[in-house]
Amino acid sequence: MTTLRPVILTGDRTTGQLHLGHYAGSLRNRLDLQETHDQFLLLADAQALTDNAHNIAKVRENVFQVALDYLAVGIDPAKSTICLQSALPALAQLSMLYLNFVTVSRLERNPTIKDEIQARGFGRDIPAGFLCYPAAQAADITAFRATLVPVGEDQAPLIEQTNEIVRRINAAAGADLLPEARALIPPVGRLPGIDGRQKMSKSSGNAIPLSASADEISHAVRQMFTDPNHLRVEDPGCVEGNVVFRYLDAFDPDKKELEALKDHYRRGGLGDQKVKRRLEDILQALLEPIRERRLELAEAPDYVMDVIRKGTGRAREITDRTFDDVARGLGLFVL
């Protein structure tokens, strides 16, 4: 399919249901972008295996769960293509090809990979698939000829490395076979966990899933960290680093009222419970329709799987064509 609209490649590892951090950082942007771009959403099960090969059942089950989350928040299969990474053989073919255009030392120097290796405590026992992820992501991006990739700021080095590989491929072919991509970094930074930790994750128990019940939302907001020195209502409070205000920055639609609330908190005379009640009301209103839609979709698994199959079929045509073009451009046999 030929399109005149800019192409976006985005997606998520299928290791668990999506949460508010995903919504703030990417999902709501995707709702807007699907109106103006040709958007592909990759259910990244192959990438999930790079550190979950011991639990393939978890990765398989969450293909369905992440697809449910996409549809529940409003991703429209008529506007965005939802596709399964492992069912696109051209991605693996391009990955193997690109690994010949990057060195191990360059992979190890990638700041994103270095940080993730340290966070997971791999030491030197790094799964080869994990270390080679930058080449695999380059394959994902270029297979769709994407020129825009929404990522967090910490993921930007992966886009830089993708463009390095693109330049090497194009130089080897003596032609512009592939376009370079640009990182689209959302205005809202990474949302912290409700416990104040920098990274929100379901495994850490500090995330609010998109499927959270009303009671779960209430409990999570009550558990949120505020200013530990704000002991009495009349005490001045600190907004910076306050988890509740970080969430309000991300989700409160009334920015003018929010700024007044911050000023009041800084002056003193505003209790944490009142601020938390405001946040809870906002999150309840945001997540209730998503939760209800998700429950409806969960009762129609054939529909959800059909969306994945049709999207993957469309994606396979595009990615196969890209691999053929790259292979021919480099002088390989294409049978």
C-alpha atoms as a PDB file:
ATOM      1  CA  MET A   1       0.000   0.000   0.000  1.00  0.00           C
ATOM      2  CA  THR A   2       1.363   3.403  -0.966  1.00  0.00           C
ATOM      3  CA  THR A   3       0.689   6.299   1.367  1.00  0.00           C
ATOM      4  CA  LEU A   4       1.508   9.975   1.250  1.00  0.00           C
ATOM      5  CA  ARG A   5       1.172  10.323   5.010  1.00  0.00           C
ATOM      6  CA  PRO A   6       4.247  10.166   7.277  1.00  0.00           C
ATOM      7  CA  VAL A   7       4.857   6.705   8.698  1.00  0.00           C
ATOM      8  CA  ILE A   8       5.109   6.044  12.439  1.00  0.00           C
ATOM      9  CA  LEU A   9       6.385   2.838  14.026  1.00  0.00           C
ATOM     10  CA  THR A  10       5.660   2.338  17.701  1.00  0.00           C
ATOM     11  CA  GLY A  11       4.652  -0.503  19.999  1.00  0.00           C
ATOM     12  CA  ASP A  12       5.128  -2.276  23.313  1.00  0.00           C
ATOM     13  CA  ARG A  13       6.789  -5.381  24.705  1.00  0.00           C
ATOM     14  CA  THR A  14       4.185  -8.023  25.492  1.00  0.00           C
ATOM     15  CA  THR A  15       5.276  -8.688  29.067  1.00  0.00           C
ATOM     16  CA  GLY A  16       2.249  -7.346  30.916  1.00  0.00           C
ATOM     17  CA  GLN A  17      -0.839  -5.179  30.689  1.00  0.00           C
ATOM     18  CA  LEU A  18      -0.262  -1.509  29.982  1.00  0.00           C
ATOM     19  CA  HIS A  19      -0.528   1.099  32.728  1.00  0.00           C
ATOM     20  CA  LEU A  20      -0.916   4.823  33.259  1.00  0.00           C
ATOM     21  CA  GLY A  21       2.747   5.387  32.476  1.00  0.00           C
ATOM     22  CA  HIS A  22       2.187   3.958  29.006  1.00  0.00           C
ATOM     23  CA  TYR A  23      -0.911   6.110  28.587  1.00  0.00           C
ATOM     24  CA  ALA A  24       0.834   9.334  29.582  1.00  0.00           C
ATOM     25  CA  GLY A  25       4.000   8.586  27.644  1.00  0.00           C
ATOM     26  CA  SER A  26       2.656   7.159  24.414  1.00  0.00           C
ATOM     27  CA  LEU A  27      -0.910   5.894  24.119  1.00  0.00           C
ATOM     28  CA  ARG A  28      -2.733   9.214  24.140  1.00  0.00           C
ATOM     29  CA  ASN A  29      -0.258  10.603  21.612  1.00  0.00           C
ATOM     30  CA  ARG A  30      -0.990   7.643  19.380  1.00  0.00           C
ATOM     31  CA  LEU A  31      -4.692   8.513  19.419  1.00  0.00           C
ATOM     32  CA  ASP A  32      -3.868  11.894  17.898  1.00  0.00           C
ATOM     33  CA  LEU A  33      -1.183  10.594  15.553  1.00  0.00           C
ATOM     34  CA  GLN A  34      -3.441   7.963  13.978  1.00  0.00           C
ATOM     35  CA  GLU A  35      -5.508  10.827  12.553  1.00  0.00           C
ATOM     36  CA  THR A  36      -2.568  12.340  10.664  1.00  0.00           C
ATOM     37  CA  HIS A  37      -0.058   9.515  10.139  1.00  0.00           C
ATOM     38  CA  ASP A  38       0.134   5.981   8.812  1.00  0.00           C
ATOM     39  CA  GLN A  39       0.715   4.366  12.190  1.00  0.00           C
ATOM     40  CA  PHE A  40       1.943   0.825  12.894  1.00  0.00           C
ATOM     41  CA  LEU A  41       1.712  -0.577  16.424  1.00  0.00           C
ATOM     42  CA  LEU A  42       4.020  -3.522  16.994  1.00  0.00           C
ATOM     43  CA  LEU A  43       3.105  -6.172  19.542  1.00  0.00           C
ATOM     44  CA  ALA A  44       6.767  -6.766  20.363  1.00  0.00           C
ATOM     45  CA  ASP A  45       6.706 -10.406  21.474  1.00  0.00           C
ATOM     46  CA  ALA A  46      10.069 -11.224  19.886  1.00  0.00           C
ATOM     47  CA  GLN A  47      11.701  -8.390  21.802  1.00  0.00           C
ATOM     48  CA  ALA A  48       9.969  -9.549  24.991  1.00  0.00           C
ATOM     49  CA  LEU A  49      11.720 -12.900  24.623  1.00  0.00           C
ATOM     50  CA  THR A  50      15.158 -11.276  24.898  1.00  0.00           C
ATOM     51  CA  ASP A  51      14.787 -11.399  28.689  1.00  0.00           C
ATOM     52  CA  ASN A  52      11.732 -13.651  29.057  1.00  0.00           C
ATOM     53  CA  ALA A  53      12.706 -16.762  27.091  1.00  0.00           C
ATOM     54  CA  HIS A  54      12.208 -18.740  30.314  1.00  0.00           C
ATOM     55  CA  ASN A  55       8.527 -17.731  30.367  1.00  0.00           C
ATOM     56  CA  ILE A  56       7.163 -17.879  26.833  1.00  0.00           C
ATOM     57  CA  ALA A  57       3.604 -18.433  28.094  1.00  0.00           C
ATOM     58  CA  LYS A  58       3.721 -15.001  29.749  1.00  0.00           C
ATOM     59  CA  VAL A  59       4.808 -13.363  26.494  1.00  0.00           C
ATOM     60  CA  ARG A  60       2.149 -15.190  24.466  1.00  0.00           C
ATOM     61  CA  GLU A  61      -0.711 -14.336  26.837  1.00  0.00           C
ATOM     62  CA  ASN A  62       0.212 -10.687  26.905  1.00  0.00           C
ATOM     63  CA  VAL A  63       0.003 -10.363  23.122  1.00  0.00           C
ATOM     64  CA  PHE A  64      -3.765 -10.513  23.639  1.00  0.00           C
ATOM     65  CA  GLN A  65      -3.673  -8.314  26.751  1.00  0.00           C
ATOM     66  CA  VAL A  66      -1.701  -5.496  25.113  1.00  0.00           C
ATOM     67  CA  ALA A  67      -3.954  -5.634  22.050  1.00  0.00           C
ATOM     68  CA  LEU A  68      -6.928  -5.286  24.402  1.00  0.00           C
ATOM     69  CA  ASP A  69      -5.340  -2.198  25.937  1.00  0.00           C
ATOM     70  CA  TYR A  70      -4.732  -0.654  22.514  1.00  0.00           C
ATOM     71  CA  LEU A  71      -8.331  -1.103  21.448  1.00  0.00           C
ATOM     72  CA  ALA A  72      -9.762  -0.076  24.823  1.00  0.00           C
ATOM     73  CA  VAL A  73      -8.038   3.313  24.829  1.00  0.00           C
ATOM     74  CA  GLY A  74      -9.335   4.072  21.336  1.00  0.00           C
ATOM     75  CA  ILE A  75      -6.785   2.811  18.833  1.00  0.00           C
ATOM     76  CA  ASP A  76      -8.826   2.332  15.655  1.00  0.00           C
ATOM     77  CA  PRO A  77      -7.808  -0.658  13.485  1.00  0.00           C
ATOM     78  CA  ALA A  78      -9.126   1.245  10.470  1.00  0.00           C
ATOM     79  CA  LYS A  79      -6.570   4.012  11.154  1.00  0.00           C
ATOM     80  CA  SER A  80      -3.700   2.198  12.889  1.00  0.00           C
ATOM     81  CA  THR A  81      -2.225  -1.188  12.010  1.00  0.00           C
ATOM     82  CA  ILE A  82      -1.776  -3.508  14.999  1.00  0.00           C
ATOM     83  CA  CYS A  83       0.666  -6.286  14.099  1.00  0.00           C
ATOM     84  CA  LEU A  84       2.583  -9.158  15.708  1.00  0.00           C
ATOM     85  CA  GLN A  85       6.365  -8.834  15.607  1.00  0.00           C
ATOM     86  CA  SER A  86       7.202 -12.565  15.553  1.00  0.00           C
ATOM     87  CA  ALA A  87       4.866 -13.131  12.607  1.00  0.00           C
ATOM     88  CA  LEU A  88       6.820 -10.744  10.358  1.00  0.00           C
ATOM     89  CA  PRO A  89       9.777 -12.768   9.017  1.00  0.00           C
ATOM     90  CA  ALA A  90      11.296  -9.760   7.239  1.00  0.00           C
ATOM     91  CA  LEU A  91      12.078  -8.228  10.632  1.00  0.00           C
ATOM     92  CA  ALA A  92      14.286 -11.181  11.545  1.00  0.00           C
ATOM     93  CA  GLN A  93      15.865 -11.172   8.078  1.00  0.00           C
ATOM     94  CA  LEU A  94      16.710  -7.481   8.305  1.00  0.00           C
ATOM     95  CA  SER A  95      18.032  -7.925  11.861  1.00  0.00           C
ATOM     96  CA  MET A  96      20.491 -10.584  10.722  1.00  0.00           C
ATOM     97  CA  LEU A  97      21.537  -8.405   7.810  1.00  0.00           C
ATOM     98  CA  TYR A  98      22.046  -5.311   9.972  1.00  0.00           C
ATOM     99  CA  LEU A  99      24.187  -7.171  12.489  1.00  0.00           C
ATOM    100  CA  ASN A 100      26.860  -7.243   9.798  1.00  0.00           C
ATOM    101  CA  PHE A 101      26.871  -3.452   9.779  1.00  0.00           C
ATOM    102  CA  VAL A 102      27.378  -2.883  13.516  1.00  0.00           C
ATOM    103  CA  THR A 103      30.073  -3.998  15.953  1.00  0.00           C
ATOM    104  CA  VAL A 104      29.698  -5.613  19.365  1.00  0.00           C
ATOM    105  CA  SER A 105      31.563  -2.729  20.976  1.00  0.00           C
ATOM    106  CA  ARG A 106      29.091  -0.242  19.454  1.00  0.00           C
ATOM    107  CA  LEU A 107      26.166  -2.266  20.765  1.00  0.00           C
ATOM    108  CA  GLU A 108      27.701  -2.330  24.229  1.00  0.00           C
ATOM    109  CA  ARG A 109      28.281   1.438  24.186  1.00  0.00           C
ATOM    110  CA  ASN A 110      24.638   2.227  23.497  1.00  0.00           C
ATOM    111  CA  PRO A 111      23.553   4.132  26.656  1.00  0.00           C
ATOM    112  CA  THR A 112      20.070   2.615  26.675  1.00  0.00           C
ATOM    113  CA  ILE A 113      21.412  -0.936  26.475  1.00  0.00           C
ATOM    114  CA  LYS A 114      24.108  -0.244  29.084  1.00  0.00           C
ATOM    115  CA  ASP A 115      21.526   1.083  31.533  1.00  0.00           C
ATOM    116  CA  GLU A 116      19.148  -1.811  30.948  1.00  0.00           C
ATOM    117  CA  ILE A 117      21.921  -4.400  31.350  1.00  0.00           C
ATOM    118  CA  GLN A 118      22.872  -2.840  34.663  1.00  0.00           C
ATOM    119  CA  ALA A 119      19.251  -2.587  35.829  1.00  0.00           C
ATOM    120  CA  ARG A 120      18.658  -6.277  35.108  1.00  0.00           C
ATOM    121  CA  GLY A 121      21.915  -7.379  36.727  1.00  0.00           C
ATOM    122  CA  PHE A 122      23.057  -9.437  33.733  1.00  0.00           C
ATOM    123  CA  GLY A 123      26.756  -8.817  34.314  1.00  0.00           C
ATOM    124  CA  ARG A 124      28.464 -10.621  31.438  1.00  0.00           C
ATOM    125  CA  ASP A 125      25.635 -13.159  31.144  1.00  0.00           C
ATOM    126  CA  ILE A 126      23.806 -10.964  28.669  1.00  0.00           C
ATOM    127  CA  PRO A 127      21.364 -12.764  26.383  1.00  0.00           C
ATOM    128  CA  ALA A 128      22.659 -12.249  22.854  1.00  0.00           C
ATOM    129  CA  GLY A 129      19.194 -11.210  21.702  1.00  0.00           C
ATOM    130  CA  PHE A 130      19.143  -8.479  24.340  1.00  0.00           C
ATOM    131  CA  LEU A 131      22.563  -7.131  23.385  1.00  0.00           C
ATOM    132  CA  CYS A 132      21.592  -7.106  19.715  1.00  0.00           C
ATOM    133  CA  TYR A 133      18.297  -5.327  20.348  1.00  0.00           C
ATOM    134  CA  PRO A 134      19.426  -2.025  18.721  1.00  0.00           C
ATOM    135  CA  ALA A 135      19.883  -3.853  15.405  1.00  0.00           C
ATOM    136  CA  ALA A 136      16.516  -5.548  15.832  1.00  0.00           C
ATOM    137  CA  GLN A 137      14.829  -2.236  16.540  1.00  0.00           C
ATOM    138  CA  ALA A 138      16.516  -0.758  13.484  1.00  0.00           C
ATOM    139  CA  ALA A 139      14.947  -3.599  11.516  1.00  0.00           C
ATOM    140  CA  ASP A 140      11.520  -2.860  12.995  1.00  0.00           C
ATOM    141  CA  ILE A 141      11.715   0.839  12.155  1.00  0.00           C
ATOM    142  CA  THR A 142      13.171   0.549   8.672  1.00  0.00           C
ATOM    143  CA  ALA A 143      10.996  -2.381   7.615  1.00  0.00           C
ATOM    144  CA  PHE A 144       8.036  -0.005   7.705  1.00  0.00           C
ATOM    145  CA  ARG A 145      10.143   2.880   6.359  1.00  0.00           C
ATOM    146  CA  ALA A 146       9.088   4.846   9.419  1.00  0.00           C
ATOM    147  CA  THR A 147      10.332   8.413   9.682  1.00  0.00           C
ATOM    148  CA  LEU A 148       8.911   9.106  13.144  1.00  0.00           C
ATOM    149  CA  VAL A 149       9.283   6.924  16.250  1.00  0.00           C
ATOM    150  CA  PRO A 150       7.621   7.986  19.528  1.00  0.00           C
ATOM    151  CA  VAL A 151      10.000   7.079  22.378  1.00  0.00           C
ATOM    152  CA  GLY A 152      10.962   8.234  25.838  1.00  0.00           C
ATOM    153  CA  GLU A 153      14.041  10.392  26.164  1.00  0.00           C
ATOM    154  CA  ASP A 154      16.008   7.413  27.501  1.00  0.00           C
ATOM    155  CA  GLN A 155      15.300   5.530  24.248  1.00  0.00           C
ATOM    156  CA  ALA A 156      16.619   8.244  21.922  1.00  0.00           C
ATOM    157  CA  PRO A 157      20.085   6.581  21.602  1.00  0.00           C
ATOM    158  CA  LEU A 158      18.384   3.619  19.934  1.00  0.00           C
ATOM    159  CA  ILE A 159      17.039   5.886  17.206  1.00  0.00           C
ATOM    160  CA  GLU A 160      20.524   7.343  16.743  1.00  0.00           C
ATOM    161  CA  GLN A 161      21.913   3.868  16.258  1.00  0.00           C
ATOM    162  CA  THR A 162      19.138   3.000  13.823  1.00  0.00           C
ATOM    163  CA  ASN A 163      20.151   5.989  11.708  1.00  0.00           C
ATOM    164  CA  GLU A 164      23.809   4.919  11.834  1.00  0.00           C
ATOM    165  CA  ILE A 165      22.807   1.538  10.415  1.00  0.00           C
ATOM    166  CA  VAL A 166      20.618   3.200   7.784  1.00  0.00           C
ATOM    167  CA  ARG A 167      23.540   5.342   6.634  1.00  0.00           C
ATOM    168  CA  ARG A 168      25.809   2.300   6.385  1.00  0.00           C
ATOM    169  CA  ILE A 169      23.216   0.337   4.395  1.00  0.00           C
ATOM    170  CA  ASN A 170      22.631   3.241   2.035  1.00  0.00           C
ATOM    171  CA  ALA A 171      26.386   3.762   1.595  1.00  0.00           C
ATOM    172  CA  ALA A 172      26.904   0.061   0.825  1.00  0.00           C
ATOM    173  CA  ALA A 173      24.092   0.147  -1.729  1.00  0.00           C
ATOM    174  CA  GLY A 174      25.148   3.474  -3.230  1.00  0.00           C
ATOM    175  CA  ALA A 175      21.535   4.608  -3.030  1.00  0.00           C
ATOM    176  CA  ASP A 176      19.033   5.917  -0.505  1.00  0.00           C
ATOM    177  CA  LEU A 177      17.276   2.620   0.131  1.00  0.00           C
ATOM    178  CA  LEU A 178      16.014   3.562   3.576  1.00  0.00           C
ATOM    179  CA  PRO A 179      14.980   6.824   5.258  1.00  0.00           C
ATOM    180  CA  GLU A 180      16.354   8.012   8.566  1.00  0.00           C
ATOM    181  CA  ALA A 181      13.934   8.324  11.479  1.00  0.00           C
ATOM    182  CA  ARG A 182      13.337  11.017  14.042  1.00  0.00           C
ATOM    183  CA  ALA A 183      12.564  10.402  17.710  1.00  0.00           C
ATOM    184  CA  LEU A 184       9.296  11.919  18.909  1.00  0.00           C
ATOM    185  CA  ILE A 185       9.752  12.530  22.639  1.00  0.00           C
ATOM    186  CA  PRO A 186       6.507  13.243  24.539  1.00  0.00           C
ATOM    187  CA  PRO A 187       6.219  16.477  26.562  1.00  0.00           C
ATOM    188  CA  VAL A 188       5.352  14.466  29.696  1.00  0.00           C
ATOM    189  CA  GLY A 189       8.451  12.709  30.966  1.00  0.00           C
ATOM    190  CA  ARG A 190       8.499   9.239  32.474  1.00  0.00           C
ATOM    191  CA  LEU A 191       5.738   8.947  35.062  1.00  0.00           C
ATOM    192  CA  PRO A 192       7.097   7.709  38.409  1.00  0.00           C
ATOM    193  CA  GLY A 193       5.653   4.777  40.292  1.00  0.00           C
ATOM    194  CA  ILE A 194       3.165   5.518  43.050  1.00  0.00           C
ATOM    195  CA  ASP A 195       5.987   4.765  45.529  1.00  0.00           C
ATOM    196  CA  GLY A 196       8.142   7.540  44.096  1.00  0.00           C
ATOM    197  CA  ARG A 197      10.516   5.280  42.220  1.00  0.00           C
ATOM    198  CA  GLN A 198      11.533   6.616  38.849  1.00  0.00           C
ATOM    199  CA  LYS A 199      10.195   3.659  36.880  1.00  0.00           C
ATOM    200  CA  MET A 200       6.614   2.465  37.042  1.00  0.00           C
ATOM    201  CA  SER A 201       6.194  -1.255  36.475  1.00  0.00           C
ATOM    202  CA  LYS A 202       3.621  -3.903  37.258  1.00  0.00           C
ATOM    203  CA  SER A 203       6.305  -6.274  38.552  1.00  0.00           C
ATOM    204  CA  SER A 204       7.317  -3.675  41.166  1.00  0.00           C
ATOM    205  CA  GLY A 205       3.725  -3.257  42.308  1.00  0.00           C
ATOM    206  CA  ASN A 206       3.910   0.515  41.843  1.00  0.00           C
ATOM    207  CA  ALA A 207       1.803   0.926  38.690  1.00  0.00           C
ATOM    208  CA  ILE A 208      -1.866   1.629  38.010  1.00  0.00           C
ATOM    209  CA  PRO A 209      -2.961  -0.625  35.134  1.00  0.00           C
ATOM    210  CA  LEU A 210      -5.421   0.694  32.571  1.00  0.00           C
ATOM    211  CA  SER A 211      -7.768  -2.085  33.695  1.00  0.00           C
ATOM    212  CA  ALA A 212      -7.690  -0.974  37.359  1.00  0.00           C
ATOM    213  CA  SER A 213     -11.006  -1.111  39.210  1.00  0.00           C
ATOM    214  CA  ALA A 214     -12.414   1.914  41.034  1.00  0.00           C
ATOM    215  CA  ASP A 215     -11.247   0.441  44.351  1.00  0.00           C
ATOM    216  CA  GLU A 216      -7.761  -0.229  42.978  1.00  0.00           C
ATOM    217  CA  ILE A 217      -7.475   3.355  41.766  1.00  0.00           C
ATOM    218  CA  SER A 218      -8.563   4.683  45.179  1.00  0.00           C
ATOM    219  CA  HIS A 219      -6.071   2.446  46.972  1.00  0.00           C
ATOM    220  CA  ALA A 220      -3.222   3.438  44.637  1.00  0.00           C
ATOM    221  CA  VAL A 221      -3.844   7.166  45.066  1.00  0.00           C
ATOM    222  CA  ARG A 222      -3.993   6.789  48.858  1.00  0.00           C
ATOM    223  CA  GLN A 223      -0.593   5.059  48.737  1.00  0.00           C
ATOM    224  CA  MET A 224       1.064   7.773  46.662  1.00  0.00           C
ATOM    225  CA  PHE A 225       4.071   9.596  48.064  1.00  0.00           C
ATOM    226  CA  THR A 226       3.753  13.318  48.664  1.00  0.00           C
ATOM    227  CA  ASP A 227       6.097  15.701  50.506  1.00  0.00           C
ATOM    228  CA  PRO A 228       7.420  13.858  53.600  1.00  0.00           C
ATOM    229  CA  ASN A 229       7.961  17.205  55.342  1.00  0.00           C
ATOM    230  CA  HIS A 230       4.356  18.324  54.835  1.00  0.00           C
ATOM    231  CA  LEU A 231       3.240  17.048  58.235  1.00  0.00           C
ATOM    232  CA  ARG A 232       0.418  19.478  58.981  1.00  0.00           C
ATOM    233  CA  VAL A 233      -2.142  21.123  56.723  1.00  0.00           C
ATOM    234  CA  GLU A 234      -0.840  24.597  57.563  1.00  0.00           C
ATOM    235  CA  ASP A 235       2.768  23.691  56.682  1.00  0.00           C
ATOM    236  CA  PRO A 236       4.152  24.866  53.316  1.00  0.00           C
ATOM    237  CA  GLY A 237       4.552  21.913  50.968  1.00  0.00           C
ATOM    238  CA  CYS A 238       6.931  21.088  48.152  1.00  0.00           C
ATOM    239  CA  VAL A 239       5.444  20.427  44.715  1.00  0.00           C
ATOM    240  CA  GLU A 240       8.699  19.427  43.008  1.00  0.00           C
ATOM    241  CA  GLY A 241       9.252  15.678  43.294  1.00  0.00           C
ATOM    242  CA  ASN A 242       5.779  15.205  44.766  1.00  0.00           C
ATOM    243  CA  VAL A 243       4.291  12.147  43.076  1.00  0.00           C
ATOM    244  CA  VAL A 244       0.681  13.345  43.346  1.00  0.00           C
ATOM    245  CA  PHE A 245       1.517  16.595  41.583  1.00  0.00           C
ATOM    246  CA  ARG A 246       3.513  14.702  38.929  1.00  0.00           C
ATOM    247  CA  TYR A 247       0.344  12.773  38.117  1.00  0.00           C
ATOM    248  CA  LEU A 248      -1.757  15.928  38.155  1.00  0.00           C
ATOM    249  CA  ASP A 249       0.701  17.521  35.713  1.00  0.00           C
ATOM    250  CA  ALA A 250       0.162  14.540  33.424  1.00  0.00           C
ATOM    251  CA  PHE A 251      -3.630  14.186  33.663  1.00  0.00           C
ATOM    252  CA  ASP A 252      -5.337  17.292  35.079  1.00  0.00           C
ATOM    253  CA  PRO A 253      -7.086  19.012  32.148  1.00  0.00           C
ATOM    254  CA  ASP A 254      -7.519  22.325  34.010  1.00  0.00           C
ATOM    255  CA  LYS A 255      -3.961  23.678  34.016  1.00  0.00           C
ATOM    256  CA  LYS A 256      -4.976  27.077  35.376  1.00  0.00           C
ATOM    257  CA  GLU A 257      -6.692  25.552  38.390  1.00  0.00           C
ATOM    258  CA  LEU A 258      -3.766  23.188  38.869  1.00  0.00           C
ATOM    259  CA  GLU A 259      -1.312  26.079  39.061  1.00  0.00           C
ATOM    260  CA  ALA A 260      -3.517  27.737  41.698  1.00  0.00           C
ATOM    261  CA  LEU A 261      -3.548  24.466  43.613  1.00  0.00           C
ATOM    262  CA  LYS A 262       0.246  24.302  43.519  1.00  0.00           C
ATOM    263  CA  ASP A 263       0.556  27.862  44.801  1.00  0.00           C
ATOM    264  CA  HIS A 264      -1.820  27.069  47.664  1.00  0.00           C
ATOM    265  CA  TYR A 265       0.146  23.939  48.562  1.00  0.00           C
ATOM    266  CA  ARG A 266       3.425  25.858  48.573  1.00  0.00           C
ATOM    267  CA  ARG A 267       1.971  28.571  50.847  1.00  0.00           C
ATOM    268  CA  GLY A 268       0.490  26.063  53.247  1.00  0.00           C
ATOM    269  CA  GLY A 269      -3.120  25.470  54.263  1.00  0.00           C
ATOM    270  CA  LEU A 270      -3.791  22.701  51.748  1.00  0.00           C
ATOM    271  CA  GLY A 271      -3.815  19.102  52.937  1.00  0.00           C
ATOM    272  CA  ASP A 272      -2.493  16.106  51.003  1.00  0.00           C
ATOM    273  CA  GLN A 273      -5.863  14.375  51.185  1.00  0.00           C
ATOM    274  CA  LYS A 274      -7.601  17.173  49.297  1.00  0.00           C
ATOM    275  CA  VAL A 275      -4.971  17.055  46.558  1.00  0.00           C
ATOM    276  CA  LYS A 276      -5.272  13.274  46.371  1.00  0.00           C
ATOM    277  CA  ARG A 277      -9.077  13.486  46.102  1.00  0.00           C
ATOM    278  CA  ARG A 278      -8.685  15.767  43.088  1.00  0.00           C
ATOM    279  CA  LEU A 279      -6.304  13.308  41.454  1.00  0.00           C
ATOM    280  CA  GLU A 280      -8.525  10.335  42.222  1.00  0.00           C
ATOM    281  CA  ASP A 281     -11.554  12.017  40.629  1.00  0.00           C
ATOM    282  CA  ILE A 282      -9.513  12.712  37.483  1.00  0.00           C
ATOM    283  CA  LEU A 283      -8.160   9.157  37.255  1.00  0.00           C
ATOM    284  CA  GLN A 284     -11.559   7.583  37.901  1.00  0.00           C
ATOM    285  CA  ALA A 285     -13.071   9.629  35.067  1.00  0.00           C
ATOM    286  CA  LEU A 286     -10.180   8.746  32.758  1.00  0.00           C
ATOM    287  CA  LEU A 287     -10.020   5.016  33.408  1.00  0.00           C
ATOM    288  CA  GLU A 288     -13.689   4.069  33.830  1.00  0.00           C
ATOM    289  CA  PRO A 289     -14.561   4.125  30.088  1.00  0.00           C
ATOM    290  CA  ILE A 290     -11.273   2.395  29.228  1.00  0.00           C
ATOM    291  CA  ARG A 291     -11.961  -0.331  31.798  1.00  0.00           C
ATOM    292  CA  GLU A 292     -15.545  -0.845  30.595  1.00  0.00           C
ATOM    293  CA  ARG A 293     -14.507  -0.997  26.949  1.00  0.00           C
ATOM    294  CA  ARG A 294     -11.738  -3.440  27.832  1.00  0.00           C
ATOM    295  CA  LEU A 295     -14.193  -5.741  29.609  1.00  0.00           C
ATOM    296  CA  GLU A 296     -16.443  -5.706  26.540  1.00  0.00           C
ATOM    297  CA  LEU A 297     -13.554  -6.523  24.213  1.00  0.00           C
ATOM    298  CA  ALA A 298     -12.341  -9.337  26.472  1.00  0.00           C
ATOM    299  CA  GLU A 299     -15.698 -11.011  25.807  1.00  0.00           C
ATOM    300  CA  ALA A 300     -14.975 -10.883  22.048  1.00  0.00           C
ATOM    301  CA  PRO A 301     -11.567 -12.606  21.720  1.00  0.00           C
ATOM    302  CA  ASP A 302     -12.241 -13.635  18.107  1.00  0.00           C
ATOM    303  CA  TYR A 303     -12.616  -9.979  17.141  1.00  0.00           C
ATOM    304  CA  VAL A 304      -9.389  -8.987  18.893  1.00  0.00           C
ATOM    305  CA  MET A 305      -7.435 -11.818  17.263  1.00  0.00           C
ATOM    306  CA  ASP A 306      -8.929 -10.922  13.880  1.00  0.00           C
ATOM    307  CA  VAL A 307      -7.651  -7.369  14.299  1.00  0.00           C
ATOM    308  CA  ILE A 308      -4.172  -8.750  14.993  1.00  0.00           C
ATOM    309  CA  ARG A 309      -4.283 -11.179  12.042  1.00  0.00           C
ATOM    310  CA  LYS A 310      -5.483  -8.593   9.535  1.00  0.00           C
ATOM    311  CA  GLY A 311      -3.005  -6.003  10.755  1.00  0.00           C
ATOM    312  CA  THR A 312      -0.171  -8.501  10.623  1.00  0.00           C
ATOM    313  CA  GLY A 313      -1.145  -9.470   7.071  1.00  0.00           C
ATOM    314  CA  ARG A 314      -0.956  -5.866   5.936  1.00  0.00           C
ATOM    315  CA  ALA A 315       2.330  -5.347   7.787  1.00  0.00           C
ATOM    316  CA  ARG A 316       3.828  -8.508   6.247  1.00  0.00           C
ATOM    317  CA  GLU A 317       3.245  -7.196   2.719  1.00  0.00           C
ATOM    318  CA  ILE A 318       5.010  -3.927   3.541  1.00  0.00           C
ATOM    319  CA  THR A 319       7.942  -5.431   5.449  1.00  0.00           C
ATOM    320  CA  ASP A 320       8.534  -8.193   2.893  1.00  0.00           C
ATOM    321  CA  ARG A 321       8.708  -5.573   0.162  1.00  0.00           C
ATOM    322  CA  THR A 322      11.239  -3.566   2.159  1.00  0.00           C
ATOM    323  CA  PHE A 323      13.481  -6.579   2.696  1.00  0.00           C
ATOM    324  CA  ASP A 324      13.390  -7.398  -1.015  1.00  0.00           C
ATOM    325  CA  ASP A 325      14.316  -3.800  -1.869  1.00  0.00           C
ATOM    326  CA  VAL A 326      17.220  -3.785   0.594  1.00  0.00           C
ATOM    327  CA  ALA A 327      18.473  -7.203  -0.514  1.00  0.00           C
ATOM    328  CA  ARG A 328      18.393  -6.200  -4.186  1.00  0.00           C
ATOM    329  CA  GLY A 329      20.017  -2.872  -3.407  1.00  0.00           C
ATOM    330  CA  LEU A 330      22.896  -4.612  -1.663  1.00  0.00           C
ATOM    331  CA  GLY A 331      23.285  -7.111  -4.502  1.00  0.00           C
ATOM    332  CA  LEU A 332      21.911 -10.204  -2.751  1.00  0.00           C
ATOM    333  CA  PHE A 333      19.893 -12.862  -4.536  1.00  0.00           C
ATOM    334  CA  VAL A 334      16.126 -12.393  -4.249  1.00  0.00           C
ATOM    335  CA  LEU A 335      14.375 -15.560  -5.350  1.00  0.00           C
END
